[in-house]
Amino acid sequence: MTSTDTDIKPETTDTDGDHDRFSHYVKKDDIVRANIEGVPVMALCGKVWIPNRDPQRYPVCKTCEEIMAVIRKGGGSS
């Protein structure tokens, strides 16, 4: 019989950071730039990522929704 060493390691994956799977509100100009240049964007809620998925497939982030509601009512800062 032969013995073999087994190295057991946890399985990890590097993802795009969108583990929460929500759509987020981002400035239109930032989305355009991200699509052209591949740079990260920052959502109203503070999440930073490089968008590469169809946002219509996911529910909207509740924090982004709340912030957008305030902006639409005229309570946002310019």
PDB file of N, CA and C in Angstrom:
ATOM      1  N   MET A   1       0.835  -1.189   0.000  1.00  0.00           N
ATOM      2  CA  MET A   1       0.000   0.000   0.000  1.00  0.00           C
ATOM      3  C   MET A   1       0.871   1.239   0.000  1.00  0.00           C
ATOM      4  N   THR A   2       0.380   2.254  -0.654  1.00  0.00           N
ATOM      5  CA  THR A   2       1.077   3.528  -0.643  1.00  0.00           C
ATOM      6  C   THR A   2       0.229   4.543   0.092  1.00  0.00           C
ATOM      7  N   SER A   3       0.904   5.480   0.676  1.00  0.00           N
ATOM      8  CA  SER A   3       0.155   6.542   1.351  1.00  0.00           C
ATOM      9  C   SER A   3       0.271   7.812   0.528  1.00  0.00           C
ATOM     10  N   THR A   4      -0.762   8.566   0.546  1.00  0.00           N
ATOM     11  CA  THR A   4      -0.759   9.848  -0.156  1.00  0.00           C
ATOM     12  C   THR A   4      -1.137  10.930   0.826  1.00  0.00           C
ATOM     13  N   ASP A   5      -0.524  12.056   0.660  1.00  0.00           N
ATOM     14  CA  ASP A   5      -0.864  13.209   1.490  1.00  0.00           C
ATOM     15  C   ASP A   5      -2.045  13.921   0.863  1.00  0.00           C
ATOM     16  N   THR A   6      -2.977  14.258   1.683  1.00  0.00           N
ATOM     17  CA  THR A   6      -4.137  15.002   1.213  1.00  0.00           C
ATOM     18  C   THR A   6      -4.154  16.348   1.901  1.00  0.00           C
ATOM     19  N   ASP A   7      -4.160  17.367   1.110  1.00  0.00           N
ATOM     20  CA  ASP A   7      -4.209  18.727   1.641  1.00  0.00           C
ATOM     21  C   ASP A   7      -5.635  19.232   1.478  1.00  0.00           C
ATOM     22  N   ILE A   8      -6.337  19.377   2.564  1.00  0.00           N
ATOM     23  CA  ILE A   8      -7.721  19.831   2.506  1.00  0.00           C
ATOM     24  C   ILE A   8      -7.758  21.330   2.750  1.00  0.00           C
ATOM     25  N   LYS A   9      -8.292  22.038   1.778  1.00  0.00           N
ATOM     26  CA  LYS A   9      -8.393  23.496   1.869  1.00  0.00           C
ATOM     27  C   LYS A   9      -9.837  23.900   1.627  1.00  0.00           C
ATOM     28  N   PRO A  10     -10.261  24.965   2.280  1.00  0.00           N
ATOM     29  CA  PRO A  10     -11.623  25.435   1.992  1.00  0.00           C
ATOM     30  C   PRO A  10     -11.705  25.955   0.570  1.00  0.00           C
ATOM     31  N   GLU A  11     -12.837  25.737  -0.057  1.00  0.00           N
ATOM     32  CA  GLU A  11     -13.035  26.217  -1.416  1.00  0.00           C
ATOM     33  C   GLU A  11     -13.438  27.680  -1.366  1.00  0.00           C
ATOM     34  N   THR A  12     -12.676  28.509  -2.016  1.00  0.00           N
ATOM     35  CA  THR A  12     -12.988  29.936  -2.064  1.00  0.00           C
ATOM     36  C   THR A  12     -13.095  30.366  -3.513  1.00  0.00           C
ATOM     37  N   THR A  13     -13.848  31.397  -3.733  1.00  0.00           N
ATOM     38  CA  THR A  13     -13.970  31.940  -5.080  1.00  0.00           C
ATOM     39  C   THR A  13     -13.854  33.446  -5.021  1.00  0.00           C
ATOM     40  N   ASP A  14     -13.241  33.995  -6.028  1.00  0.00           N
ATOM     41  CA  ASP A  14     -13.207  35.442  -6.181  1.00  0.00           C
ATOM     42  C   ASP A  14     -14.334  35.808  -7.117  1.00  0.00           C
ATOM     43  N   THR A  15     -15.234  36.649  -6.642  1.00  0.00           N
ATOM     44  CA  THR A  15     -16.360  37.058  -7.468  1.00  0.00           C
ATOM     45  C   THR A  15     -16.258  38.543  -7.734  1.00  0.00           C
ATOM     46  N   ASP A  16     -17.213  39.047  -8.450  1.00  0.00           N
ATOM     47  CA  ASP A  16     -17.245  40.466  -8.762  1.00  0.00           C
ATOM     48  C   ASP A  16     -17.741  41.293  -7.586  1.00  0.00           C
ATOM     49  N   GLY A  17     -17.987  40.685  -6.453  1.00  0.00           N
ATOM     50  CA  GLY A  17     -18.440  41.424  -5.290  1.00  0.00           C
ATOM     51  C   GLY A  17     -19.940  41.576  -5.209  1.00  0.00           C
ATOM     52  N   ASP A  18     -20.629  41.036  -6.169  1.00  0.00           N
ATOM     53  CA  ASP A  18     -22.076  41.207  -6.175  1.00  0.00           C
ATOM     54  C   ASP A  18     -22.754  40.013  -5.508  1.00  0.00           C
ATOM     55  N   HIS A  19     -22.216  39.625  -4.355  1.00  0.00           N
ATOM     56  CA  HIS A  19     -22.756  38.479  -3.647  1.00  0.00           C
ATOM     57  C   HIS A  19     -24.159  38.725  -3.131  1.00  0.00           C
ATOM     58  N   ASP A  20     -24.541  39.992  -2.979  1.00  0.00           N
ATOM     59  CA  ASP A  20     -25.876  40.273  -2.459  1.00  0.00           C
ATOM     60  C   ASP A  20     -26.946  40.227  -3.541  1.00  0.00           C
ATOM     61  N   ARG A  21     -26.558  40.267  -4.791  1.00  0.00           N
ATOM     62  CA  ARG A  21     -27.476  40.124  -5.923  1.00  0.00           C
ATOM     63  C   ARG A  21     -28.640  41.103  -5.909  1.00  0.00           C
ATOM     64  N   PHE A  22     -28.313  42.365  -5.840  1.00  0.00           N
ATOM     65  CA  PHE A  22     -29.309  43.420  -5.930  1.00  0.00           C
ATOM     66  C   PHE A  22     -28.927  44.371  -7.048  1.00  0.00           C
ATOM     67  N   SER A  23     -29.923  45.036  -7.613  1.00  0.00           N
ATOM     68  CA  SER A  23     -29.680  46.149  -8.522  1.00  0.00           C
ATOM     69  C   SER A  23     -29.501  47.387  -7.656  1.00  0.00           C
ATOM     70  N   HIS A  24     -28.674  48.302  -8.125  1.00  0.00           N
ATOM     71  CA  HIS A  24     -28.392  49.515  -7.359  1.00  0.00           C
ATOM     72  C   HIS A  24     -28.574  50.743  -8.239  1.00  0.00           C
ATOM     73  N   TYR A  25     -28.862  51.871  -7.614  1.00  0.00           N
ATOM     74  CA  TYR A  25     -28.948  53.138  -8.330  1.00  0.00           C
ATOM     75  C   TYR A  25     -27.560  53.756  -8.422  1.00  0.00           C
ATOM     76  N   VAL A  26     -27.187  54.134  -9.663  1.00  0.00           N
ATOM     77  CA  VAL A  26     -25.892  54.737  -9.953  1.00  0.00           C
ATOM     78  C   VAL A  26     -26.129  55.875 -10.927  1.00  0.00           C
ATOM     79  N   LYS A  27     -25.296  56.921 -10.860  1.00  0.00           N
ATOM     80  CA  LYS A  27     -25.414  58.028 -11.814  1.00  0.00           C
ATOM     81  C   LYS A  27     -25.254  57.491 -13.236  1.00  0.00           C
ATOM     82  N   LYS A  28     -26.097  57.992 -14.134  1.00  0.00           N
ATOM     83  CA  LYS A  28     -26.093  57.515 -15.521  1.00  0.00           C
ATOM     84  C   LYS A  28     -24.720  57.678 -16.169  1.00  0.00           C
ATOM     85  N   ASP A  29     -24.077  58.823 -15.961  1.00  0.00           N
ATOM     86  CA  ASP A  29     -22.756  59.060 -16.547  1.00  0.00           C
ATOM     87  C   ASP A  29     -21.735  58.028 -16.059  1.00  0.00           C
ATOM     88  N   ASP A  30     -21.859  57.629 -14.788  1.00  0.00           N
ATOM     89  CA  ASP A  30     -20.934  56.635 -14.239  1.00  0.00           C
ATOM     90  C   ASP A  30     -21.146  55.262 -14.873  1.00  0.00           C
ATOM     91  N   ILE A  31     -22.407  54.912 -15.125  1.00  0.00           N
ATOM     92  CA  ILE A  31     -22.706  53.627 -15.775  1.00  0.00           C
ATOM     93  C   ILE A  31     -22.142  53.606 -17.196  1.00  0.00           C
ATOM     94  N   VAL A  32     -22.324  54.702 -17.920  1.00  0.00           N
ATOM     95  CA  VAL A  32     -21.801  54.790 -19.290  1.00  0.00           C
ATOM     96  C   VAL A  32     -20.287  54.626 -19.270  1.00  0.00           C
ATOM     97  N   ARG A  33     -19.624  55.344 -18.367  1.00  0.00           N
ATOM     98  CA  ARG A  33     -18.166  55.261 -18.267  1.00  0.00           C
ATOM     99  C   ARG A  33     -17.724  53.839 -17.909  1.00  0.00           C
ATOM    100  N   ALA A  34     -18.435  53.207 -16.982  1.00  0.00           N
ATOM    101  CA  ALA A  34     -18.091  51.838 -16.582  1.00  0.00           C
ATOM    102  C   ALA A  34     -18.236  50.873 -17.753  1.00  0.00           C
ATOM    103  N   ASN A  35     -19.276  51.055 -18.555  1.00  0.00           N
ATOM    104  CA  ASN A  35     -19.488  50.181 -19.708  1.00  0.00           C
ATOM    105  C   ASN A  35     -18.413  50.360 -20.768  1.00  0.00           C
ATOM    106  N   ILE A  36     -17.921  51.574 -20.912  1.00  0.00           N
ATOM    107  CA  ILE A  36     -16.903  51.857 -21.928  1.00  0.00           C
ATOM    108  C   ILE A  36     -15.502  51.520 -21.427  1.00  0.00           C
ATOM    109  N   GLU A  37     -15.188  51.976 -20.206  1.00  0.00           N
ATOM    110  CA  GLU A  37     -13.824  51.861 -19.691  1.00  0.00           C
ATOM    111  C   GLU A  37     -13.611  50.713 -18.711  1.00  0.00           C
ATOM    112  N   GLY A  38     -14.692  50.102 -18.242  1.00  0.00           N
ATOM    113  CA  GLY A  38     -14.552  49.002 -17.291  1.00  0.00           C
ATOM    114  C   GLY A  38     -14.130  49.424 -15.900  1.00  0.00           C
ATOM    115  N   VAL A  39     -14.467  50.646 -15.529  1.00  0.00           N
ATOM    116  CA  VAL A  39     -14.098  51.157 -14.206  1.00  0.00           C
ATOM    117  C   VAL A  39     -15.220  50.903 -13.201  1.00  0.00           C
ATOM    118  N   PRO A  40     -14.893  50.868 -11.913  1.00  0.00           N
ATOM    119  CA  PRO A  40     -15.930  50.664 -10.897  1.00  0.00           C
ATOM    120  C   PRO A  40     -16.870  51.861 -10.783  1.00  0.00           C
ATOM    121  N   VAL A  41     -18.070  51.585 -10.296  1.00  0.00           N
ATOM    122  CA  VAL A  41     -19.062  52.626 -10.017  1.00  0.00           C
ATOM    123  C   VAL A  41     -19.411  52.571  -8.538  1.00  0.00           C
ATOM    124  N   MET A  42     -20.005  53.665  -8.026  1.00  0.00           N
ATOM    125  CA  MET A  42     -20.477  53.674  -6.652  1.00  0.00           C
ATOM    126  C   MET A  42     -21.973  53.926  -6.642  1.00  0.00           C
ATOM    127  N   ALA A  43     -22.706  53.019  -6.014  1.00  0.00           N
ATOM    128  CA  ALA A  43     -24.159  53.147  -5.896  1.00  0.00           C
ATOM    129  C   ALA A  43     -24.501  54.168  -4.820  1.00  0.00           C
ATOM    130  N   LEU A  44     -25.757  54.591  -4.801  1.00  0.00           N
ATOM    131  CA  LEU A  44     -26.213  55.524  -3.777  1.00  0.00           C
ATOM    132  C   LEU A  44     -25.975  54.976  -2.373  1.00  0.00           C
ATOM    133  N   CYS A  45     -26.077  53.670  -2.214  1.00  0.00           N
ATOM    134  CA  CYS A  45     -25.905  53.039  -0.900  1.00  0.00           C
ATOM    135  C   CYS A  45     -24.440  52.926  -0.494  1.00  0.00           C
ATOM    136  N   GLY A  46     -23.526  53.199  -1.423  1.00  0.00           N
ATOM    137  CA  GLY A  46     -22.099  53.133  -1.119  1.00  0.00           C
ATOM    138  C   GLY A  46     -21.389  51.921  -1.691  1.00  0.00           C
ATOM    139  N   LYS A  47     -22.113  50.985  -2.243  1.00  0.00           N
ATOM    140  CA  LYS A  47     -21.482  49.798  -2.828  1.00  0.00           C
ATOM    141  C   LYS A  47     -20.664  50.199  -4.048  1.00  0.00           C
ATOM    142  N   VAL A  48     -19.449  49.655  -4.137  1.00  0.00           N
ATOM    143  CA  VAL A  48     -18.562  49.919  -5.268  1.00  0.00           C
ATOM    144  C   VAL A  48     -18.299  48.590  -5.973  1.00  0.00           C
ATOM    145  N   TRP A  49     -18.475  48.571  -7.287  1.00  0.00           N
ATOM    146  CA  TRP A  49     -18.252  47.360  -8.076  1.00  0.00           C
ATOM    147  C   TRP A  49     -18.167  47.722  -9.546  1.00  0.00           C
ATOM    148  N   ILE A  50     -17.744  46.767 -10.354  1.00  0.00           N
ATOM    149  CA  ILE A  50     -17.733  46.935 -11.805  1.00  0.00           C
ATOM    150  C   ILE A  50     -18.973  46.212 -12.332  1.00  0.00           C
ATOM    151  N   PRO A  51     -19.950  46.961 -12.839  1.00  0.00           N
ATOM    152  CA  PRO A  51     -21.189  46.327 -13.296  1.00  0.00           C
ATOM    153  C   PRO A  51     -20.955  45.470 -14.540  1.00  0.00           C
ATOM    154  N   ASN A  52     -21.502  44.262 -14.499  1.00  0.00           N
ATOM    155  CA  ASN A  52     -21.369  43.379 -15.657  1.00  0.00           C
ATOM    156  C   ASN A  52     -22.547  42.409 -15.767  1.00  0.00           C
ATOM    157  N   ARG A  53     -23.626  42.702 -15.067  1.00  0.00           N
ATOM    158  CA  ARG A  53     -24.817  41.844 -15.121  1.00  0.00           C
ATOM    159  C   ARG A  53     -26.034  42.678 -15.486  1.00  0.00           C
ATOM    160  N   ASP A  54     -27.070  41.998 -15.929  1.00  0.00           N
ATOM    161  CA  ASP A  54     -28.330  42.656 -16.258  1.00  0.00           C
ATOM    162  C   ASP A  54     -29.054  43.013 -14.961  1.00  0.00           C
ATOM    163  N   PRO A  55     -29.164  44.302 -14.633  1.00  0.00           N
ATOM    164  CA  PRO A  55     -29.785  44.697 -13.361  1.00  0.00           C
ATOM    165  C   PRO A  55     -31.266  44.352 -13.274  1.00  0.00           C
ATOM    166  N   GLN A  56     -31.905  44.121 -14.410  1.00  0.00           N
ATOM    167  CA  GLN A  56     -33.335  43.793 -14.392  1.00  0.00           C
ATOM    168  C   GLN A  56     -33.601  42.405 -13.820  1.00  0.00           C
ATOM    169  N   ARG A  57     -32.565  41.611 -13.673  1.00  0.00           N
ATOM    170  CA  ARG A  57     -32.720  40.255 -13.133  1.00  0.00           C
ATOM    171  C   ARG A  57     -32.780  40.228 -11.606  1.00  0.00           C
ATOM    172  N   TYR A  58     -32.495  41.355 -10.962  1.00  0.00           N
ATOM    173  CA  TYR A  58     -32.372  41.381  -9.508  1.00  0.00           C
ATOM    174  C   TYR A  58     -33.297  42.426  -8.889  1.00  0.00           C
ATOM    175  N   PRO A  59     -33.693  42.215  -7.648  1.00  0.00           N
ATOM    176  CA  PRO A  59     -34.499  43.229  -6.956  1.00  0.00           C
ATOM    177  C   PRO A  59     -33.635  44.449  -6.635  1.00  0.00           C
ATOM    178  N   VAL A  60     -34.276  45.594  -6.481  1.00  0.00           N
ATOM    179  CA  VAL A  60     -33.545  46.831  -6.193  1.00  0.00           C
ATOM    180  C   VAL A  60     -33.136  46.862  -4.722  1.00  0.00           C
ATOM    181  N   CYS A  61     -31.938  47.299  -4.474  1.00  0.00           N
ATOM    182  CA  CYS A  61     -31.399  47.470  -3.121  1.00  0.00           C
ATOM    183  C   CYS A  61     -32.317  48.411  -2.336  1.00  0.00           C
ATOM    184  N   LYS A  62     -32.731  48.000  -1.159  1.00  0.00           N
ATOM    185  CA  LYS A  62     -33.661  48.804  -0.348  1.00  0.00           C
ATOM    186  C   LYS A  62     -33.042  50.135   0.057  1.00  0.00           C
ATOM    187  N   THR A  63     -31.756  50.147   0.369  1.00  0.00           N
ATOM    188  CA  THR A  63     -31.091  51.391   0.760  1.00  0.00           C
ATOM    189  C   THR A  63     -31.057  52.365  -0.409  1.00  0.00           C
ATOM    190  N   CYS A  64     -30.719  51.873  -1.597  1.00  0.00           N
ATOM    191  CA  CYS A  64     -30.727  52.728  -2.785  1.00  0.00           C
ATOM    192  C   CYS A  64     -32.130  53.269  -3.050  1.00  0.00           C
ATOM    193  N   GLU A  65     -33.141  52.421  -2.894  1.00  0.00           N
ATOM    194  CA  GLU A  65     -34.534  52.850  -3.099  1.00  0.00           C
ATOM    195  C   GLU A  65     -34.911  53.978  -2.148  1.00  0.00           C
ATOM    196  N   GLU A  66     -34.536  53.836  -0.879  1.00  0.00           N
ATOM    197  CA  GLU A  66     -34.859  54.854   0.123  1.00  0.00           C
ATOM    198  C   GLU A  66     -34.166  56.177  -0.188  1.00  0.00           C
ATOM    199  N   ILE A  67     -32.899  56.107  -0.568  1.00  0.00           N
ATOM    200  CA  ILE A  67     -32.150  57.325  -0.899  1.00  0.00           C
ATOM    201  C   ILE A  67     -32.743  57.980  -2.137  1.00  0.00           C
ATOM    202  N   MET A  68     -33.085  57.185  -3.137  1.00  0.00           N
ATOM    203  CA  MET A  68     -33.666  57.724  -4.368  1.00  0.00           C
ATOM    204  C   MET A  68     -35.008  58.380  -4.091  1.00  0.00           C
ATOM    205  N   ALA A  69     -35.799  57.829  -3.193  1.00  0.00           N
ATOM    206  CA  ALA A  69     -37.095  58.423  -2.842  1.00  0.00           C
ATOM    207  C   ALA A  69     -36.905  59.812  -2.246  1.00  0.00           C
ATOM    208  N   VAL A  70     -35.893  59.972  -1.418  1.00  0.00           N
ATOM    209  CA  VAL A  70     -35.599  61.283  -0.828  1.00  0.00           C
ATOM    210  C   VAL A  70     -35.161  62.258  -1.914  1.00  0.00           C
ATOM    211  N   ILE A  71     -34.316  61.799  -2.822  1.00  0.00           N
ATOM    212  CA  ILE A  71     -33.843  62.657  -3.918  1.00  0.00           C
ATOM    213  C   ILE A  71     -35.015  63.097  -4.791  1.00  0.00           C
ATOM    214  N   ARG A  72     -35.894  62.174  -5.117  1.00  0.00           N
ATOM    215  CA  ARG A  72     -37.043  62.505  -5.973  1.00  0.00           C
ATOM    216  C   ARG A  72     -37.992  63.495  -5.312  1.00  0.00           C
ATOM    217  N   LYS A  73     -38.048  63.483  -3.988  1.00  0.00           N
ATOM    218  CA  LYS A  73     -38.890  64.437  -3.260  1.00  0.00           C
ATOM    219  C   LYS A  73     -38.223  65.802  -3.137  1.00  0.00           C
ATOM    220  N   GLY A  74     -36.999  65.910  -3.624  1.00  0.00           N
ATOM    221  CA  GLY A  74     -36.293  67.182  -3.566  1.00  0.00           C
ATOM    222  C   GLY A  74     -35.435  67.332  -2.331  1.00  0.00           C
ATOM    223  N   GLY A  75     -35.210  66.260  -1.610  1.00  0.00           N
ATOM    224  CA  GLY A  75     -34.422  66.320  -0.393  1.00  0.00           C
ATOM    225  C   GLY A  75     -32.968  65.965  -0.580  1.00  0.00           C
ATOM    226  N   GLY A  76     -32.564  65.696  -1.811  1.00  0.00           N
ATOM    227  CA  GLY A  76     -31.182  65.316  -2.063  1.00  0.00           C
ATOM    228  C   GLY A  76     -30.285  66.525  -2.166  1.00  0.00           C
ATOM    229  N   SER A  77     -29.011  66.342  -1.871  1.00  0.00           N
ATOM    230  CA  SER A  77     -28.062  67.446  -2.001  1.00  0.00           C
ATOM    231  C   SER A  77     -27.489  67.444  -3.408  1.00  0.00           C
ATOM    232  N   SER A  78     -27.209  68.607  -3.936  1.00  0.00           N
ATOM    233  CA  SER A  78     -26.673  68.714  -5.296  1.00  0.00           C
ATOM    234  C   SER A  78     -25.220  69.031  -5.279  1.00  0.00           C
TER     235      SER A  78
END
